[in-house]
């Protein structure tokens, strides 16, 4: 899907424009903050048929200081979470790795 299609799906799932989450008219995406809005992801998930509690396990690295002053990463795994939340975390990780918004949604 492209960005316009993703936004249309979220709107079909109940996403509404507000002063706080305003985004430009469809087709004029300019990097606004809607993709950081959890309500956007919930509405997108509703329209996509994503399940509650079936998103899979989400892992991240907890950084801890060692006694010698160094640091180490400890993998932490959350139990299964709602799929919209899982996809949102994947999106943020995708951006953190230097990939684009467009390339994430192309894979949905």
Protein backbone atom coordinates (compact mmCIF):
# COMPACT_ATOMS: atom_id res chain seq x y z
CA UNK A 1 0.00 0.00 0.00
CA UNK A 2 1.06 3.57 -0.45
CA UNK A 3 0.70 6.32 2.17
CA UNK A 4 -2.55 7.63 0.71
CA UNK A 5 -4.12 4.15 0.86
CA UNK A 6 -2.96 3.64 4.44
CA UNK A 7 -4.48 6.95 5.54
CA UNK A 8 -7.73 6.13 3.71
CA UNK A 9 -7.88 2.74 5.49
CA UNK A 10 -7.37 4.38 8.89
CA UNK A 11 -10.16 6.87 8.13
CA UNK A 12 -12.44 3.99 7.08
CA UNK A 13 -11.56 2.37 10.42
CA UNK A 14 -12.74 5.47 12.28
CA UNK A 15 -9.70 7.76 12.39
CA UNK A 16 -10.74 11.40 12.62
CA UNK A 17 -8.86 14.61 12.08
CA UNK A 18 -8.54 16.80 15.14
CA UNK A 19 -6.56 19.89 15.93
CA UNK A 20 -3.98 17.67 17.65
CA UNK A 21 -3.56 15.12 14.86
CA UNK A 22 -4.27 17.25 11.80
CA UNK A 23 -2.86 15.94 8.56
CA UNK A 24 -2.99 17.48 5.10
CA UNK A 25 -5.61 16.43 2.54
CA UNK A 26 -5.06 12.99 1.08
CA UNK A 27 -2.35 12.99 -1.54
CA UNK A 28 -0.45 15.86 0.09
CA UNK A 29 1.42 14.00 2.81
CA UNK A 30 4.25 16.11 4.12
CA UNK A 31 5.67 14.08 6.98
CA UNK A 32 3.05 15.04 9.57
CA UNK A 33 2.85 13.27 12.90
CA UNK A 34 -0.17 11.03 12.36
CA UNK A 35 2.01 7.92 12.21
CA UNK A 36 2.98 8.52 15.83
CA UNK A 37 -0.66 8.66 16.95
CA UNK A 38 -1.77 5.38 18.60
CA UNK A 39 -5.36 6.08 17.58
CA UNK A 40 -4.23 6.08 13.92
CA UNK A 41 -2.77 2.58 14.38
CA UNK A 42 -5.84 1.30 16.23
CA UNK A 43 -8.14 2.51 13.43
CA UNK A 44 -5.82 1.13 10.75
CA UNK A 45 -5.73 -2.19 12.58
CA UNK A 46 -9.51 -2.30 12.83
CA UNK A 47 -9.85 -1.79 9.07
CA UNK A 48 -7.04 -4.27 8.29
CA UNK A 49 -8.66 -6.94 10.48
CA UNK A 50 -5.72 -7.11 12.88
CA UNK A 51 -6.43 -9.17 15.96
CA UNK A 52 -6.33 -8.28 19.63
CA UNK A 53 -3.60 -10.18 21.43
CA UNK A 54 -2.29 -11.82 18.26
CA UNK A 55 0.42 -9.43 17.14
CA UNK A 56 3.26 -11.67 18.13
CA UNK A 57 5.97 -11.18 20.64
CA UNK A 58 7.83 -7.88 20.63
CA UNK A 59 11.48 -7.85 21.60
CA UNK A 60 13.80 -5.03 22.53
CA UNK A 61 17.17 -4.65 24.19
CA UNK A 62 17.34 -3.35 27.74
CA UNK A 63 20.66 -1.62 28.34
CA UNK A 64 22.26 -2.15 31.73
CA UNK A 65 25.46 -0.85 33.23
CA UNK A 66 28.01 -3.47 34.26
CA UNK A 67 30.05 -3.24 37.44
CA UNK A 68 33.20 -2.53 35.44
CA UNK A 69 31.55 0.57 33.90
CA UNK A 70 30.69 -1.06 30.60
CA UNK A 71 27.21 -1.69 29.27
CA UNK A 72 25.41 -4.78 28.08
CA UNK A 73 22.17 -5.42 26.26
CA UNK A 74 19.66 -7.87 27.67
CA UNK A 75 16.90 -9.02 25.31
CA UNK A 76 13.44 -8.47 26.75
CA UNK A 77 10.37 -10.08 25.22
CA UNK A 78 6.84 -8.86 25.79
CA UNK A 79 4.06 -11.44 25.71
CA UNK A 80 1.70 -11.33 22.78
CA UNK A 81 0.29 -7.85 22.25
CA UNK A 82 -2.45 -6.38 20.08
CA UNK A 83 -1.45 -6.50 16.45
CA UNK A 84 -1.89 -2.73 15.94
CA UNK A 85 0.62 -2.11 18.73
CA UNK A 86 3.00 -4.70 17.32
CA UNK A 87 2.83 -3.06 13.87
CA UNK A 88 3.36 0.39 15.39
CA UNK A 89 6.49 -0.82 17.19
CA UNK A 90 7.73 -2.40 13.96
CA UNK A 91 7.11 0.91 12.17
CA UNK A 92 9.14 2.88 14.72
CA UNK A 93 11.96 0.31 14.57
CA UNK A 94 11.85 0.53 10.77
CA UNK A 95 12.32 4.31 10.91
CA UNK A 96 15.06 4.00 13.55
CA UNK A 97 16.98 1.73 11.17
CA UNK A 98 16.97 4.55 8.61
CA UNK A 99 14.23 3.20 6.37
CA UNK A 100 11.41 5.31 4.96
CA UNK A 101 7.74 5.58 5.87
CA UNK A 102 6.86 4.57 2.31
CA UNK A 103 8.93 1.38 2.38
CA UNK A 104 7.22 0.21 5.59
CA UNK A 105 3.72 0.59 4.20
CA UNK A 106 4.63 -1.00 0.87
CA UNK A 107 5.03 -4.28 2.78
CA UNK A 108 1.58 -4.19 4.46
